[in-house]
Amino acid sequence: MGFKPPFTGIHAIAFALFDAQERLDRAAMRRQAEICLGLGVHGIAALGLATEVSKLSLAERLTVMEWVAEDVAGKAPLAFTIFGGSVAEQVEQVRAAEAARADWVILQPPMVGSFGAAEYIRFFGRVAEATSLPVAIQNAPAYMGRGLSAADIAELVRQHPNICLIKGEGAATEIRQLIEVTEGRLPVMNGRGGLELADNLRAGCVGFILAPDTIDYALHVYERFLAGDEAGAEEAYRAVLPAIVFIMQSIESLLCYGKRIFGARAGIAIHDRGPALRPSGFGLDLVAKYAATLGPYRGRLTS
C-alpha cells in the first residue's frame, strides 16, 4: 500500500467500457484512467455500481483490477469494490485486491436475499477480519435494496476497527445523522452522482466517489468549498446540477446517459452490454446538449 487512511476528496469510480462486441475495452479503460488522473482526482476506484460489476464475470472483475492498478501505477489511492454472494467469494476478491496493491477495499452487501442487520454485520465483519487493508462499507439501500441504519454501522465499526470509512448513497440529512450517531469518528464519503454535493460537504462528508461524467466539476466545487469559498462552491455546483439531475434518475440512467456524456466529452465510443437501458432519440439529444455545455475534459478547472 502506498497510501494510508483517511481517504478524502473526490475519487473516481470507473465505468466499465465495452467494445462493439460487448467485451471490456482495454484502450478505453486506460484512457478513462488517464483522464481522471489528469483532472487531479484524489483517488480512483473500480468495480462498483458504475462499473456494472454484476454484469462482469469473476475473471473480468480480476482483469479490471489488473488493468486499473496498472494504469493508476501508485499515482493516487486505489480502491476496489468487493462484490459477491458469499463470504468466501468476497474474501477471494479481497485477496486479488491485495495482490493488485489496492490501498483500501469497499464491501458491498451480498446481492442474495434480504436479511436483518445482524446478518449483514456478521457478513461484513467476517470479510473485514480476513484483511489488513482499510475497509469501507457501501451503504446504498435506495440503490441496492439492502443497508444498515446509522446505529447498525456504529456497532459494526465498534466490533471491527479496520472498517474505517462509509461509502454512503443517501441524502445529506441521512449522512448528517450517520455522522452524528458515530460522533464524527467514522469518515463518510457520498456518491449519488454528486447530488447535494455542497450540502453533503456541509453535513460533514470528507469527499465523494463519483463516476467521471461530471467529476471535473465536482473537483471544482470541492476545492472551492475547502478553500472556504462556499458561495463559489454553490455557484460551481449550480453550473453542473442540471446535468447531474438528468443523469441520476437511476443507476440505469447513469449507465445509459451518464456514460454517454462521459464518452462524448472524452472522445470514447460507448457500447452497452445487455441487458441495459437503451437511449432514446430524445435522450441522445440531451446527452449532446449536456456534453456541449460541460465541454471536453481539460485537466484542472480554474476559477
Protein backbone atom coordinates (compact mmCIF):
# COMPACT_ATOMS: atom_id res chain seq x y z
CA MET A 1 0.00 0.00 0.00
CA GLY A 2 1.26 3.46 -0.87
CA PHE A 3 -1.46 5.50 0.82
CA LYS A 4 -2.98 5.42 4.29
CA PRO A 5 -6.47 6.40 5.50
CA PRO A 6 -8.30 8.65 5.99
CA PHE A 7 -9.16 8.93 2.30
CA THR A 8 -10.73 12.24 1.39
CA GLY A 9 -11.61 14.35 -1.63
CA ILE A 10 -13.12 13.46 -4.98
CA HIS A 11 -12.44 9.88 -6.09
CA ALA A 12 -13.40 8.50 -9.49
CA ILE A 13 -15.25 5.19 -9.80
CA ALA A 14 -14.51 3.74 -13.22
CA PHE A 15 -17.18 2.96 -15.77
CA ALA A 16 -16.96 -0.47 -17.39
CA LEU A 17 -16.24 0.42 -21.02
CA PHE A 18 -17.10 -2.17 -23.66
CA ASP A 19 -16.37 -2.56 -27.36
CA ALA A 20 -18.98 -3.25 -30.04
CA GLN A 21 -18.85 -6.97 -29.21
CA GLU A 22 -19.62 -6.21 -25.52
CA ARG A 23 -16.08 -7.13 -24.41
CA LEU A 24 -14.16 -5.00 -21.95
CA ASP A 25 -12.22 -2.41 -23.97
CA ARG A 26 -8.63 -2.15 -22.73
CA ALA A 27 -7.75 1.04 -24.59
CA ALA A 28 -10.91 2.84 -23.47
CA MET A 29 -10.37 1.81 -19.84
CA ARG A 30 -6.80 3.09 -19.98
CA ARG A 31 -7.95 6.40 -21.46
CA GLN A 32 -10.55 6.77 -18.71
CA ALA A 33 -7.87 6.37 -16.04
CA GLU A 34 -5.60 8.85 -17.83
CA ILE A 35 -8.38 11.44 -17.93
CA CYS A 36 -9.21 11.02 -14.25
CA LEU A 37 -5.58 11.26 -13.18
CA GLY A 38 -5.09 14.27 -15.43
CA LEU A 39 -8.01 16.03 -13.78
CA GLY A 40 -6.33 15.65 -10.41
CA VAL A 41 -8.77 13.29 -8.72
CA HIS A 42 -7.84 12.37 -5.17
CA GLY A 43 -8.26 8.63 -5.78
CA ILE A 44 -9.55 6.04 -8.23
CA ALA A 45 -11.81 3.06 -7.59
CA ALA A 46 -13.40 0.35 -9.69
CA LEU A 47 -15.94 -2.47 -9.59
CA GLY A 48 -18.79 -0.52 -8.04
CA LEU A 49 -22.28 0.06 -9.40
CA ALA A 50 -20.92 2.37 -12.11
CA THR A 51 -18.59 -0.43 -13.20
CA GLU A 52 -21.62 -2.67 -13.76
CA VAL A 53 -19.90 -5.20 -11.55
CA SER A 54 -22.88 -7.58 -11.52
CA LYS A 55 -22.53 -7.97 -15.32
CA LEU A 56 -18.87 -8.95 -15.07
CA SER A 57 -17.65 -12.49 -14.60
CA LEU A 58 -15.17 -13.16 -11.81
CA ALA A 59 -12.40 -13.37 -14.41
CA GLU A 60 -13.44 -9.97 -15.79
CA ARG A 61 -13.50 -8.42 -12.30
CA LEU A 62 -9.95 -9.64 -11.76
CA THR A 63 -8.97 -8.28 -15.17
CA VAL A 64 -10.40 -4.86 -14.27
CA MET A 65 -8.36 -4.91 -11.05
CA GLU A 66 -5.22 -5.69 -13.01
CA TRP A 67 -5.85 -3.01 -15.65
CA VAL A 68 -6.81 -0.22 -13.25
CA ALA A 69 -3.88 -0.97 -10.94
CA GLU A 70 -1.55 -0.87 -13.93
CA ASP A 71 -2.98 2.44 -15.13
CA VAL A 72 -3.04 4.15 -11.72
CA ALA A 73 0.50 2.92 -11.01
CA GLY A 74 0.62 4.35 -7.50
CA LYS A 75 -0.25 7.89 -8.61
CA ALA A 76 -3.37 8.07 -6.42
CA PRO A 77 -5.08 5.97 -3.73
CA LEU A 78 -6.62 2.89 -5.30
CA ALA A 79 -9.75 1.09 -4.11
CA PHE A 80 -11.76 -1.84 -5.37
CA THR A 81 -15.37 -2.56 -4.51
CA ILE A 82 -15.84 -6.17 -3.47
CA PHE A 83 -18.91 -7.86 -4.95
CA GLY A 84 -20.03 -11.37 -4.10
CA GLY A 85 -22.81 -13.50 -2.69
CA SER A 86 -20.78 -15.28 -0.01
CA VAL A 87 -18.00 -14.58 2.46
CA ALA A 88 -15.68 -16.91 0.53
CA GLU A 89 -16.33 -15.14 -2.79
CA GLN A 90 -15.71 -11.72 -1.29
CA VAL A 91 -12.56 -12.85 0.53
CA GLU A 92 -11.20 -14.26 -2.75
CA GLN A 93 -11.62 -10.85 -4.36
CA VAL A 94 -10.12 -9.08 -1.35
CA ARG A 95 -7.05 -11.28 -1.86
CA ALA A 96 -6.95 -10.21 -5.51
CA ALA A 97 -7.23 -6.56 -4.46
CA GLU A 98 -4.31 -7.06 -2.08
CA ALA A 99 -2.30 -8.62 -4.91
CA ALA A 100 -3.14 -5.63 -7.11
CA ARG A 101 -1.74 -3.36 -4.38
CA ALA A 102 -5.04 -1.70 -3.57
CA ASP A 103 -4.88 0.87 -0.79
CA TRP A 104 -8.35 0.01 0.50
CA VAL A 105 -11.45 -2.01 -0.33
CA ILE A 106 -15.17 -1.22 -0.29
CA LEU A 107 -17.51 -4.05 0.69
CA GLN A 108 -20.93 -4.30 -0.94
CA PRO A 109 -23.71 -6.24 0.78
CA PRO A 110 -24.29 -9.63 -0.84
CA MET A 111 -26.97 -9.33 -3.51
CA VAL A 112 -28.74 -12.52 -2.47
CA GLY A 113 -31.84 -12.50 -0.31
CA SER A 114 -32.78 -9.82 2.19
CA PHE A 115 -31.80 -10.19 5.84
CA GLY A 116 -31.76 -8.38 9.15
CA ALA A 117 -28.99 -6.03 10.23
CA ALA A 118 -27.32 -8.62 12.47
CA GLU A 119 -26.70 -10.91 9.48
CA TYR A 120 -25.08 -8.15 7.45
CA ILE A 121 -22.96 -7.11 10.43
CA ARG A 122 -21.69 -10.69 10.74
CA PHE A 123 -21.09 -10.93 6.99
CA PHE A 124 -19.13 -7.68 6.70
CA GLY A 125 -17.22 -8.47 9.86
CA ARG A 126 -16.02 -11.86 8.60
CA VAL A 127 -14.76 -10.31 5.35
CA ALA A 128 -13.12 -7.39 7.16
CA GLU A 129 -11.33 -9.80 9.52
CA ALA A 130 -9.73 -11.51 6.53
CA THR A 131 -7.64 -8.49 5.51
CA SER A 132 -5.32 -5.90 6.96
CA LEU A 133 -6.40 -3.39 4.32
CA PRO A 134 -8.55 -0.45 5.40
CA VAL A 135 -12.18 -1.38 4.74
CA ALA A 136 -15.16 0.76 3.78
CA ILE A 137 -18.78 -0.36 3.74
CA GLN A 138 -21.04 0.65 0.87
CA ASN A 139 -24.39 1.53 2.38
CA ALA A 140 -26.79 2.16 -0.50
CA PRO A 141 -30.24 0.84 0.43
CA ALA A 142 -32.01 3.06 -2.11
CA TYR A 143 -29.99 1.57 -4.97
CA MET A 144 -29.30 -1.94 -3.68
CA GLY A 145 -32.36 -2.73 -1.56
CA ARG A 146 -30.12 -3.60 1.39
CA GLY A 147 -28.48 -1.47 4.00
CA LEU A 148 -27.75 -0.68 7.62
CA SER A 149 -29.00 2.06 9.91
CA ALA A 150 -26.62 4.58 11.45
CA ALA A 151 -26.78 2.66 14.76
CA ASP A 152 -26.02 -0.64 12.96
CA ILE A 153 -22.98 0.91 11.32
CA ALA A 154 -21.76 2.25 14.65
CA GLU A 155 -21.95 -1.27 16.12
CA LEU A 156 -20.15 -2.77 13.11
CA VAL A 157 -17.30 -0.31 13.44
CA ARG A 158 -17.08 -0.93 17.19
CA GLN A 159 -16.55 -4.64 16.52
CA HIS A 160 -14.16 -4.24 13.58
CA PRO A 161 -11.75 -1.28 13.85
CA ASN A 162 -10.26 -1.72 10.36
CA ILE A 163 -13.66 -0.65 8.99
CA CYS A 164 -12.70 2.98 8.78
CA LEU A 165 -15.00 4.62 6.22
CA ILE A 166 -18.55 4.52 4.93
CA LYS A 167 -19.41 4.88 1.25
CA GLY A 168 -22.89 6.33 1.52
CA GLU A 169 -25.55 6.76 -1.14
CA GLY A 170 -28.03 8.88 0.75
CA ALA A 171 -29.47 12.33 1.24
CA ALA A 172 -27.44 14.95 3.07
CA THR A 173 -29.80 14.72 6.05
CA GLU A 174 -29.19 10.95 6.31
CA ILE A 175 -25.45 11.43 6.02
CA ARG A 176 -25.53 14.02 8.78
CA GLN A 177 -27.43 11.61 11.04
CA LEU A 178 -24.82 8.91 10.44
CA ILE A 179 -22.00 11.31 11.27
CA GLU A 180 -23.78 12.37 14.47
CA VAL A 181 -24.52 8.80 15.60
CA THR A 182 -20.88 7.81 15.11
CA GLU A 183 -19.84 11.07 16.84
CA GLY A 184 -17.74 12.04 13.84
CA ARG A 185 -15.32 9.14 14.34
CA LEU A 186 -16.18 7.46 11.05
CA PRO A 187 -15.40 9.34 7.83
CA VAL A 188 -18.21 9.27 5.27
CA MET A 189 -17.92 9.66 1.51
CA ASN A 190 -21.10 10.02 -0.51
CA GLY A 191 -21.92 9.21 -4.11
CA ARG A 192 -25.27 9.66 -5.86
CA GLY A 193 -23.56 11.29 -8.82
CA GLY A 194 -22.86 14.43 -6.80
CA LEU A 195 -26.46 15.26 -5.90
CA GLU A 196 -26.50 17.69 -2.94
CA LEU A 197 -22.74 17.96 -3.26
CA ALA A 198 -22.28 21.22 -1.34
CA ASP A 199 -24.83 20.28 1.33
CA ASN A 200 -23.10 16.93 1.85
CA LEU A 201 -19.84 18.76 2.46
CA ARG A 202 -21.65 20.96 4.99
CA ALA A 203 -23.06 17.82 6.59
CA GLY A 204 -19.51 16.62 7.21
CA CYS A 205 -18.70 14.36 4.25
CA VAL A 206 -14.97 14.03 3.70
CA GLY A 207 -15.46 13.54 -0.02
CA PHE A 208 -17.27 11.75 -2.82
CA ILE A 209 -16.80 8.68 -5.01
CA LEU A 210 -18.24 9.57 -8.40
CA ALA A 211 -18.33 8.30 -11.96
CA PRO A 212 -16.20 10.50 -14.23
CA ASP A 213 -19.03 12.04 -16.29
CA THR A 214 -19.05 15.36 -14.37
CA ILE A 215 -16.18 14.72 -11.96
CA ASP A 216 -14.13 17.73 -13.06
CA TYR A 217 -16.95 20.00 -11.89
CA ALA A 218 -17.18 18.10 -8.60
CA LEU A 219 -13.48 18.74 -8.09
CA HIS A 220 -14.08 22.45 -8.66
CA VAL A 221 -16.89 22.51 -6.09
CA TYR A 222 -14.81 20.60 -3.55
CA GLU A 223 -11.73 22.77 -3.99
CA ARG A 224 -13.73 25.98 -3.58
CA PHE A 225 -15.51 24.62 -0.51
CA LEU A 226 -12.22 23.51 1.05
CA ALA A 227 -10.80 26.99 0.44
CA GLY A 228 -13.66 28.48 2.47
CA ASP A 229 -15.45 29.88 -0.59
CA GLU A 230 -18.92 28.43 -0.01
CA ALA A 231 -20.56 30.95 -2.34
CA GLY A 232 -18.14 29.97 -5.09
CA ALA A 233 -18.78 26.29 -4.40
CA GLU A 234 -22.52 26.85 -4.74
CA GLU A 235 -22.01 28.76 -8.00
CA ALA A 236 -19.88 25.95 -9.41
CA TYR A 237 -22.46 23.39 -8.29
CA ARG A 238 -25.33 25.26 -9.96
CA ALA A 239 -23.43 25.11 -13.26
CA VAL A 240 -23.38 21.30 -13.27
CA LEU A 241 -26.60 20.48 -11.37
CA PRO A 242 -28.93 20.22 -14.43
CA ALA A 243 -26.63 17.58 -15.95
CA ILE A 244 -26.43 15.66 -12.66
CA VAL A 245 -30.22 15.64 -12.32
CA PHE A 246 -30.57 14.33 -15.88
CA ILE A 247 -28.00 11.61 -15.30
CA MET A 248 -29.02 10.45 -11.83
CA GLN A 249 -32.63 9.42 -12.36
CA SER A 250 -31.48 5.86 -11.57
CA ILE A 251 -28.40 3.67 -11.77
CA GLU A 252 -29.64 2.52 -15.18
CA SER A 253 -29.85 6.14 -16.31
CA LEU A 254 -26.29 6.76 -15.11
CA LEU A 255 -25.07 3.79 -17.12
CA CYS A 256 -27.02 4.78 -20.22
CA TYR A 257 -26.81 8.57 -20.31
CA GLY A 258 -24.04 9.44 -17.84
CA LYS A 259 -21.66 7.07 -19.57
CA ARG A 260 -22.55 8.58 -22.94
CA ILE A 261 -21.92 12.10 -21.63
CA PHE A 262 -18.53 10.87 -20.45
CA GLY A 263 -17.88 9.30 -23.85
CA ALA A 264 -18.86 12.45 -25.72
CA ARG A 265 -16.60 14.59 -23.54
CA ALA A 266 -13.71 12.10 -23.70
CA GLY A 267 -13.96 11.14 -27.37
CA ILE A 268 -14.66 7.48 -26.50
CA ALA A 269 -17.33 5.43 -28.30
CA ILE A 270 -19.81 3.94 -25.84
CA HIS A 271 -21.28 0.46 -26.27
CA ASP A 272 -23.74 -1.22 -23.90
CA ARG A 273 -23.54 -4.71 -22.50
CA GLY A 274 -27.03 -6.14 -22.33
CA PRO A 275 -29.31 -6.15 -20.56
CA ALA A 276 -29.19 -2.38 -20.50
CA LEU A 277 -31.34 0.71 -20.69
CA ARG A 278 -31.12 1.78 -24.33
CA PRO A 279 -31.04 5.51 -25.11
CA SER A 280 -33.97 7.18 -26.79
CA GLY A 281 -33.52 9.70 -29.57
CA PHE A 282 -34.56 12.50 -27.23
CA GLY A 283 -32.19 11.16 -24.59
CA LEU A 284 -29.32 11.30 -27.07
CA ASP A 285 -30.26 14.88 -27.91
CA LEU A 286 -29.97 15.70 -24.19
CA VAL A 287 -26.64 13.88 -23.99
CA ALA A 288 -25.34 16.07 -26.81
CA LYS A 289 -26.69 19.21 -25.13
CA TYR A 290 -25.13 18.48 -21.76
CA ALA A 291 -21.83 17.27 -23.23
CA ALA A 292 -21.57 20.52 -25.19
CA THR A 293 -22.43 22.59 -22.10
CA LEU A 294 -19.89 20.79 -19.93
CA GLY A 295 -17.23 20.78 -22.62
CA PRO A 296 -14.29 18.42 -23.13
CA TYR A 297 -12.06 17.39 -20.25
CA ARG A 298 -9.20 19.86 -19.92
CA GLY A 299 -7.46 18.98 -16.68
CA ARG A 300 -7.99 21.04 -13.57
CA LEU A 301 -10.62 23.75 -13.89
CA THR A 302 -9.61 27.25 -12.95
CA SER A 303 -11.72 29.93 -11.28
